[in-house]
């Protein structure tokens, strides 16, 4: 694919896949962010401390991360479509039930089921896209935009609903909405390739299995610590904005800065279809470093711009990253590989929260972002090694687009 080509056109079958996975991705992130907002009003309604009410979601968030690996394994063996739909049905049903149970462990149990259901999407949905859509990078970028819409709408819609109809009815309305969408999208008809049916890029491109394993580990390291930085920034940024941004409400400023990631994901998806993946992944990580260094020393408009640039590259690299996983893994283990990625990413992300809580009181936000800059340096070292080792162009690498177009 050359740089002057127009945006790729998707077949009717591919458009159905994008609609199915996009709706599921948006809902997954929507429900992921529903409870932290809802808990603020719920705690007041039941007269419990907010910290206690938020704590009921702990197991759910743990399952959201660590459930990704078994979900990926099941998707590889029983079908990605079944796992995506099943995950939505489980999350929606649990949200619906939460509207009828008393506070305490029953709510915690419902939230655990919500997290378990939500864990299915990323390995199964992204695995499905990687195996069925020719212009994979662009498709992953579009899918990421759906996720960002869910991230933006989750807190806003939940807050409005809870303020107008109360927390219990918000649980019920959210559950009904998820179930209705799951049923509606399940009516979309498209063919999912059987396990092992799609030609394996990892096997046709030429590198030895040992080299592929080394490269896969390097990408896992980069993704894991990239997730660490993204989570740490997500935790620190609202507090930093509340101190240093005066021209706009800090919550709105945080959301708007993160919206820059929408453009980044679209650009990253286009780049993933056009240019060498390892080099592109390295460039996006390198481009995020100046923003990480500028954020703790900036205020007002300069801080907002630096944060938006970070979101642009931190989210924009995700379609490239997911395309790399597809290029390095066999089709028959694709969803499992994504499950491993998201388990590592979400798992290490929890430690980022602890890092911010430990460093910020003594070193301030300057110390926090110095840690993030150090982590970016380590990521760049890993990716430079990847670029030197992994050169699929030497082997006449077969792209996903070429494989599917040839069928």
Protein backbone atom coordinates (compact mmCIF):
# COMPACT_ATOMS: atom_id res chain seq x y z
CA UNK A 1 0.00 0.00 0.00
CA UNK A 2 1.43 3.36 -1.02
CA UNK A 3 1.20 6.67 0.79
CA UNK A 4 -1.02 8.29 -1.84
CA UNK A 5 -3.78 5.71 -1.75
CA UNK A 6 -7.25 6.71 -0.64
CA UNK A 7 -8.72 5.26 2.57
CA UNK A 8 -9.48 1.54 2.17
CA UNK A 9 -12.99 0.45 1.34
CA UNK A 10 -14.48 -2.31 3.43
CA UNK A 11 -16.62 -5.07 1.99
CA UNK A 12 -20.22 -5.43 3.26
CA UNK A 13 -19.05 -8.42 5.32
CA UNK A 14 -16.23 -6.40 6.87
CA UNK A 15 -18.59 -3.52 7.68
CA UNK A 16 -20.76 -5.93 9.66
CA UNK A 17 -17.69 -7.10 11.59
CA UNK A 18 -16.76 -3.48 12.33
CA UNK A 19 -20.30 -2.65 13.48
CA UNK A 20 -20.45 -5.75 15.70
CA UNK A 21 -17.03 -5.26 17.30
CA UNK A 22 -17.37 -1.46 17.48
CA UNK A 23 -20.62 -1.59 19.44
CA UNK A 24 -19.16 -4.20 21.78
CA UNK A 25 -15.95 -2.20 22.29
CA UNK A 26 -17.86 0.98 23.09
CA UNK A 27 -20.13 -0.83 25.56
CA UNK A 28 -17.18 -2.57 27.21
CA UNK A 29 -15.50 0.73 28.04
CA UNK A 30 -18.83 2.33 28.90
CA UNK A 31 -19.65 -0.29 31.52
CA UNK A 32 -16.04 -0.29 32.75
CA UNK A 33 -16.44 3.38 33.75
CA UNK A 34 -20.07 3.28 34.90
CA UNK A 35 -19.56 2.27 38.52
CA UNK A 36 -16.88 4.80 39.61
CA UNK A 37 -19.28 7.60 38.62
CA UNK A 38 -22.38 5.86 39.95
CA UNK A 39 -20.67 5.11 43.28
CA UNK A 40 -20.53 8.81 44.19
CA UNK A 41 -24.33 9.10 44.23
CA UNK A 42 -24.90 5.52 45.45
CA UNK A 43 -22.74 6.14 48.54
CA UNK A 44 -24.86 9.17 49.49
CA UNK A 45 -28.11 7.26 48.93
CA UNK A 46 -27.15 4.36 51.20
CA UNK A 47 -25.17 6.39 53.74
CA UNK A 48 -21.89 4.50 53.33
CA UNK A 49 -18.35 5.95 52.91
CA UNK A 50 -17.38 6.42 49.26
CA UNK A 51 -14.15 4.47 49.80
CA UNK A 52 -16.14 1.43 50.95
CA UNK A 53 -18.59 1.67 48.05
CA UNK A 54 -15.77 1.99 45.52
CA UNK A 55 -14.03 -0.99 47.12
CA UNK A 56 -16.90 -3.26 46.09
CA UNK A 57 -15.62 -3.00 42.51
CA UNK A 58 -12.11 -4.31 43.26
CA UNK A 59 -12.71 -7.95 42.31
CA UNK A 60 -14.57 -6.87 39.19
CA UNK A 61 -11.65 -4.79 37.97
CA UNK A 62 -9.23 -7.60 38.75
CA UNK A 63 -11.34 -9.99 36.68
CA UNK A 64 -11.55 -7.42 33.88
CA UNK A 65 -7.79 -7.73 33.49
CA UNK A 66 -6.94 -11.28 34.45
CA UNK A 67 -10.02 -12.74 32.76
CA UNK A 68 -8.67 -11.67 29.36
CA UNK A 69 -6.27 -14.62 29.00
CA UNK A 70 -8.82 -17.41 29.59
CA UNK A 71 -11.32 -15.44 27.49
CA UNK A 72 -8.82 -15.39 24.62
CA UNK A 73 -8.22 -19.13 24.95
CA UNK A 74 -11.96 -19.82 24.85
CA UNK A 75 -12.37 -17.51 21.85
CA UNK A 76 -9.72 -19.45 19.94
CA UNK A 77 -11.49 -22.73 20.64
CA UNK A 78 -15.19 -21.81 20.58
CA UNK A 79 -15.33 -18.67 18.44
CA UNK A 80 -14.70 -14.98 19.02
CA UNK A 81 -18.24 -13.98 18.14
CA UNK A 82 -19.70 -16.25 20.81
CA UNK A 83 -17.33 -14.86 23.43
CA UNK A 84 -18.06 -11.21 22.58
CA UNK A 85 -21.83 -11.74 22.68
CA UNK A 86 -21.63 -13.91 25.79
CA UNK A 87 -19.52 -11.31 27.58
CA UNK A 88 -22.04 -8.55 26.83
CA UNK A 89 -24.95 -10.71 27.95
CA UNK A 90 -23.17 -11.53 31.22
CA UNK A 91 -22.26 -7.89 31.92
CA UNK A 92 -25.75 -6.65 31.04
CA UNK A 93 -27.49 -9.28 33.16
CA UNK A 94 -25.23 -8.56 36.15
CA UNK A 95 -25.87 -4.80 35.86
CA UNK A 96 -29.61 -5.45 35.70
CA UNK A 97 -29.52 -7.66 38.81
CA UNK A 98 -27.45 -5.04 40.67
CA UNK A 99 -30.49 -2.77 40.55
CA UNK A 100 -32.44 -5.20 42.75
CA UNK A 101 -29.91 -6.46 45.33
CA UNK A 102 -28.92 -4.84 48.65
CA UNK A 103 -25.59 -3.03 49.09
CA UNK A 104 -22.47 -4.85 50.21
CA UNK A 105 -21.35 -8.24 48.96
CA UNK A 106 -24.32 -8.71 46.57
CA UNK A 107 -23.32 -5.56 44.68
CA UNK A 108 -19.67 -6.70 44.76
CA UNK A 109 -20.73 -10.08 43.30
CA UNK A 110 -22.66 -8.36 40.50
CA UNK A 111 -19.71 -6.10 39.72
CA UNK A 112 -17.42 -9.14 39.65
CA UNK A 113 -19.65 -10.68 36.97
CA UNK A 114 -19.66 -7.37 35.08
CA UNK A 115 -15.85 -7.40 35.07
CA UNK A 116 -15.71 -11.04 34.01
CA UNK A 117 -18.08 -10.38 31.12
CA UNK A 118 -16.21 -7.25 30.05
CA UNK A 119 -12.91 -9.16 30.01
CA UNK A 120 -14.06 -11.10 26.94
CA UNK A 121 -14.16 -8.27 24.44
CA UNK A 122 -10.53 -7.25 23.90
CA UNK A 123 -9.02 -10.66 23.12
CA UNK A 124 -12.07 -11.95 21.26
CA UNK A 125 -13.14 -8.77 19.45
CA UNK A 126 -9.70 -7.63 18.36
CA UNK A 127 -8.82 -11.20 17.43
CA UNK A 128 -11.93 -11.32 15.25
CA UNK A 129 -10.97 -8.10 13.43
CA UNK A 130 -7.42 -9.30 12.85
CA UNK A 131 -8.67 -12.48 11.17
CA UNK A 132 -11.53 -11.12 9.05
CA UNK A 133 -10.74 -7.58 7.83
CA UNK A 134 -8.25 -6.95 5.03
CA UNK A 135 -7.26 -3.38 5.97
CA UNK A 136 -6.56 -4.53 9.50
CA UNK A 137 -4.75 -1.47 10.81
CA UNK A 138 -7.44 0.97 9.70
CA UNK A 139 -10.12 -1.35 11.10
CA UNK A 140 -8.35 -1.51 14.46
CA UNK A 141 -8.08 2.28 14.47
CA UNK A 142 -11.81 2.65 13.82
CA UNK A 143 -12.53 0.08 16.51
CA UNK A 144 -10.41 2.09 18.93
CA UNK A 145 -12.50 5.18 18.18
CA UNK A 146 -15.64 3.27 19.22
CA UNK A 147 -13.88 2.45 22.48
CA UNK A 148 -13.01 6.10 23.03
CA UNK A 149 -16.64 7.08 22.51
CA UNK A 150 -17.59 4.59 25.24
CA UNK A 151 -14.95 6.07 27.52
CA UNK A 152 -16.30 9.58 26.93
CA UNK A 153 -19.98 8.67 27.31
CA UNK A 154 -19.70 6.32 30.30
CA UNK A 155 -19.14 8.86 33.10
CA UNK A 156 -21.25 11.59 31.45
CA UNK A 157 -24.37 9.50 30.76
CA UNK A 158 -24.11 7.64 34.07
CA UNK A 159 -23.87 10.90 35.99
CA UNK A 160 -26.92 12.34 34.24
CA UNK A 161 -28.96 9.17 34.75
CA UNK A 162 -28.03 8.80 38.42
CA UNK A 163 -28.85 12.43 39.14
CA UNK A 164 -32.27 12.13 37.48
CA UNK A 165 -33.52 8.60 38.24
CA UNK A 166 -31.28 7.39 41.10
CA UNK A 167 -28.56 4.78 41.30
CA UNK A 168 -30.74 1.65 41.32
CA UNK A 169 -32.66 2.66 38.21
CA UNK A 170 -29.33 3.56 36.60
CA UNK A 171 -28.08 0.02 37.24
CA UNK A 172 -31.26 -1.33 35.63
CA UNK A 173 -31.22 1.07 32.67
CA UNK A 174 -27.57 0.30 31.97
CA UNK A 175 -28.20 -3.43 32.08
CA UNK A 176 -31.21 -3.19 29.78
CA UNK A 177 -29.25 -1.04 27.32
CA UNK A 178 -26.35 -3.50 27.18
CA UNK A 179 -28.66 -6.50 26.76
CA UNK A 180 -30.66 -4.78 24.01
CA UNK A 181 -27.49 -3.86 22.12
CA UNK A 182 -26.06 -7.37 22.51
CA UNK A 183 -29.24 -8.90 21.09
CA UNK A 184 -29.39 -6.38 18.24
CA UNK A 185 -25.76 -6.83 17.17
CA UNK A 186 -26.04 -10.62 17.39
CA UNK A 187 -28.47 -10.36 14.46
CA UNK A 188 -25.64 -9.16 12.20
CA UNK A 189 -24.66 -12.03 9.91
CA UNK A 190 -21.04 -12.49 8.90
CA UNK A 191 -18.71 -15.42 8.50
CA UNK A 192 -16.05 -16.00 11.14
CA UNK A 193 -13.06 -18.02 9.85
CA UNK A 194 -12.56 -21.34 11.56
CA UNK A 195 -9.53 -21.86 13.77
CA UNK A 196 -6.41 -22.18 11.61
CA UNK A 197 -8.28 -21.33 8.40
CA UNK A 198 -6.57 -17.97 7.79
CA UNK A 199 -3.00 -18.24 6.48
CA UNK A 200 -0.57 -17.64 9.34
CA UNK A 201 1.55 -14.57 8.72
CA UNK A 202 3.90 -15.67 11.46
CA UNK A 203 4.55 -18.88 9.52
CA UNK A 204 4.60 -17.51 5.97
CA UNK A 205 6.84 -14.50 6.57
CA UNK A 206 10.05 -16.46 7.10
CA UNK A 207 11.62 -15.66 10.50
CA UNK A 208 12.52 -18.63 12.66
CA UNK A 209 10.15 -19.60 15.48
CA UNK A 210 12.81 -18.64 18.03
CA UNK A 211 13.14 -15.15 16.53
CA UNK A 212 9.37 -14.74 16.46
CA UNK A 213 9.20 -15.66 20.15
CA UNK A 214 11.90 -13.11 21.03
CA UNK A 215 10.09 -10.42 19.03
CA UNK A 216 6.77 -11.36 20.62
CA UNK A 217 8.29 -10.98 24.10
CA UNK A 218 9.71 -7.57 23.17
CA UNK A 219 6.28 -6.39 21.99
CA UNK A 220 4.72 -7.74 25.20
CA UNK A 221 7.24 -5.75 27.26
CA UNK A 222 6.51 -2.57 25.30
CA UNK A 223 2.74 -3.06 25.56
CA UNK A 224 2.89 -3.87 29.26
CA UNK A 225 4.91 -0.80 30.23
CA UNK A 226 3.04 1.37 27.73
CA UNK A 227 -0.08 0.36 29.63
CA UNK A 228 1.68 1.25 32.90
CA UNK A 229 2.37 4.78 31.64
CA UNK A 230 -1.11 5.25 30.22
CA UNK A 231 -2.75 4.19 33.49
CA UNK A 232 -0.41 6.34 35.59
CA UNK A 233 -1.16 9.37 33.42
CA UNK A 234 -4.90 8.68 33.63
CA UNK A 235 -4.68 8.69 37.43
CA UNK A 236 -2.41 11.73 37.76
CA UNK A 237 -3.82 13.95 35.03
CA UNK A 238 -7.16 14.98 36.62
CA UNK A 239 -5.43 16.07 39.83
CA UNK A 240 -2.71 17.88 37.87
CA UNK A 241 -5.33 19.67 35.75
CA UNK A 242 -7.29 20.70 38.85
CA UNK A 243 -4.18 22.50 40.16
CA UNK A 244 -2.84 24.08 36.98
CA UNK A 245 -5.63 24.64 34.46
CA UNK A 246 -7.73 27.74 35.01
CA UNK A 247 -9.35 28.37 31.62
CA UNK A 248 -11.64 25.30 31.76
CA UNK A 249 -13.20 22.92 34.26
CA UNK A 250 -10.53 20.30 35.00
CA UNK A 251 -12.86 17.36 34.33
CA UNK A 252 -13.90 18.71 30.96
CA UNK A 253 -10.29 19.57 30.13
CA UNK A 254 -9.26 15.99 30.97
CA UNK A 255 -11.93 14.54 28.68
CA UNK A 256 -11.10 16.91 25.82
CA UNK A 257 -7.38 16.16 26.06
CA UNK A 258 -8.10 12.43 25.91
CA UNK A 259 -10.28 12.99 22.82
CA UNK A 260 -7.09 13.75 20.90
CA UNK A 261 -6.56 10.00 21.01
CA UNK A 262 -9.41 9.57 18.51
CA UNK A 263 -7.36 11.24 15.79
CA UNK A 264 -4.28 9.33 16.92
CA UNK A 265 -6.02 5.99 16.60
CA UNK A 266 -7.26 6.72 13.10
CA UNK A 267 -3.80 7.85 11.99
CA UNK A 268 -2.16 4.88 13.71
CA UNK A 269 -4.53 2.53 11.93
CA UNK A 270 -3.74 4.02 8.53
CA UNK A 271 -0.01 3.86 9.25
CA UNK A 272 -0.30 0.22 10.34
CA UNK A 273 -1.64 -0.65 6.88
CA UNK A 274 1.02 1.34 5.00
CA UNK A 275 4.37 1.19 6.77
CA UNK A 276 6.61 -1.30 8.65
CA UNK A 277 4.94 -2.00 11.97
CA UNK A 278 7.98 -2.27 14.25
CA UNK A 279 9.45 1.03 13.06
CA UNK A 280 6.07 2.77 13.28
CA UNK A 281 5.56 1.45 16.82
CA UNK A 282 8.99 2.77 17.82
CA UNK A 283 8.29 6.20 16.30
CA UNK A 284 4.96 6.59 18.12
CA UNK A 285 6.52 5.71 21.48
CA UNK A 286 9.42 8.09 20.81
CA UNK A 287 6.98 10.86 19.87
CA UNK A 288 5.24 10.51 23.25
CA UNK A 289 8.44 11.23 25.21
CA UNK A 290 8.55 15.04 24.70
CA UNK A 291 4.96 15.28 25.95
CA UNK A 292 5.78 13.21 29.04
CA UNK A 293 8.72 15.52 29.80
CA UNK A 294 6.70 18.72 29.22
CA UNK A 295 3.54 17.85 31.17
CA UNK A 296 4.88 18.28 34.75
CA UNK A 297 6.50 21.64 33.94
CA UNK A 298 3.50 23.16 32.12
CA UNK A 299 0.28 24.90 33.07
CA UNK A 300 -2.93 26.14 31.44
CA UNK A 301 -2.86 25.98 27.62
CA UNK A 302 0.65 24.53 27.41
CA UNK A 303 -0.31 21.73 29.80
CA UNK A 304 -3.49 21.00 27.86
CA UNK A 305 -1.61 20.80 24.56
CA UNK A 306 1.11 18.55 26.03
CA UNK A 307 -1.51 16.22 27.53
CA UNK A 308 -3.41 16.10 24.23
CA UNK A 309 -0.20 15.22 22.37
CA UNK A 310 0.49 12.42 24.83
CA UNK A 311 -3.04 11.04 24.34
CA UNK A 312 -2.64 11.30 20.56
CA UNK A 313 0.46 9.12 20.48
CA UNK A 314 -0.33 6.85 23.46
CA UNK A 315 -3.68 5.86 21.94
CA UNK A 316 -2.53 6.18 18.34
CA UNK A 317 0.05 3.44 18.79
CA UNK A 318 -2.60 0.88 19.77
CA UNK A 319 -3.70 -0.13 16.23
CA UNK A 320 -0.01 -0.53 15.34
CA UNK A 321 0.59 -2.57 18.47
CA UNK A 322 -2.40 -4.84 17.86
CA UNK A 323 -1.33 -5.30 14.22
CA UNK A 324 2.11 -6.36 15.43
CA UNK A 325 0.55 -8.98 17.70
CA UNK A 326 -1.38 -10.32 14.70
CA UNK A 327 1.76 -10.37 12.56
CA UNK A 328 3.76 -12.26 15.17
CA UNK A 329 1.20 -14.88 16.25
CA UNK A 330 -0.42 -17.87 14.52
CA UNK A 331 -4.07 -17.51 13.61
CA UNK A 332 -5.09 -20.46 15.77
CA UNK A 333 -3.71 -18.73 18.91
CA UNK A 334 -4.54 -15.13 17.96
CA UNK A 335 -7.18 -14.41 20.62
CA UNK A 336 -5.07 -16.13 23.28
CA UNK A 337 -2.16 -13.85 22.38
CA UNK A 338 -4.39 -10.80 22.74
CA UNK A 339 -5.65 -12.22 26.03
CA UNK A 340 -2.08 -12.44 27.30
CA UNK A 341 -1.44 -8.87 26.18
CA UNK A 342 -4.46 -7.42 27.95
CA UNK A 343 -3.88 -9.45 31.11
CA UNK A 344 -0.34 -8.07 31.30
CA UNK A 345 -1.42 -4.54 30.39
CA UNK A 346 -4.29 -4.35 32.87
CA UNK A 347 -2.29 -6.17 35.53
CA UNK A 348 0.74 -3.88 35.41
CA UNK A 349 -1.64 -0.92 35.19
CA UNK A 350 -2.76 -1.59 38.75
CA UNK A 351 0.81 -1.08 39.95
CA UNK A 352 0.87 2.29 38.17
CA UNK A 353 -1.87 3.50 40.51
CA UNK A 354 0.26 2.48 43.50
CA UNK A 355 3.29 4.24 41.98
CA UNK A 356 1.41 7.53 41.68
CA UNK A 357 0.14 7.25 45.25
CA UNK A 358 3.69 6.57 46.49
CA UNK A 359 5.68 9.09 44.44
CA UNK A 360 3.32 12.08 44.25
CA UNK A 361 3.22 12.96 47.99
CA UNK A 362 7.02 13.27 48.24
CA UNK A 363 8.17 14.13 44.71
CA UNK A 364 5.05 15.77 43.26
CA UNK A 365 3.91 15.39 39.69
CA UNK A 366 7.43 16.12 38.46
CA UNK A 367 8.57 12.92 40.13
CA UNK A 368 5.65 10.94 38.71
CA UNK A 369 6.34 12.02 35.13
CA UNK A 370 10.08 11.48 35.55
CA UNK A 371 9.23 7.85 36.32
CA UNK A 372 7.09 7.73 33.18
CA UNK A 373 9.92 9.22 31.10
CA UNK A 374 12.29 6.57 32.46
CA UNK A 375 9.78 3.87 31.49
CA UNK A 376 9.50 5.31 27.96
CA UNK A 377 13.28 5.07 27.70
CA UNK A 378 13.12 1.38 28.56
CA UNK A 379 10.34 0.84 26.02
CA UNK A 380 12.40 2.54 23.32
CA UNK A 381 15.36 0.28 24.09
CA UNK A 382 13.15 -2.80 23.72
CA UNK A 383 11.63 -1.53 20.48
CA UNK A 384 14.98 -0.56 18.98
CA UNK A 385 16.03 -4.16 19.57
CA UNK A 386 12.79 -5.28 17.91
CA UNK A 387 13.45 -3.11 14.83
CA UNK A 388 16.97 -4.51 14.49
CA UNK A 389 15.84 -8.13 14.87
CA UNK A 390 12.50 -8.21 13.07
CA UNK A 391 12.58 -7.22 9.41
CA UNK A 392 9.75 -9.06 7.68
CA UNK A 393 10.48 -7.28 4.39
CA UNK A 394 13.51 -9.56 4.08
CA UNK A 395 11.18 -12.52 3.74
CA UNK A 396 8.62 -11.06 1.35
CA UNK A 397 6.19 -10.72 4.22
CA UNK A 398 2.56 -11.51 3.37
CA UNK A 399 0.18 -8.92 4.83
CA UNK A 400 -3.26 -9.67 6.19
CA UNK A 401 -4.78 -7.60 3.40
CA UNK A 402 -3.06 -9.67 0.73
CA UNK A 403 -4.05 -12.93 2.39
CA UNK A 404 -7.74 -12.09 2.64
CA UNK A 405 -7.87 -10.41 -0.78
CA UNK A 406 -6.48 -13.57 -2.36
CA UNK A 407 -9.29 -15.76 -1.04
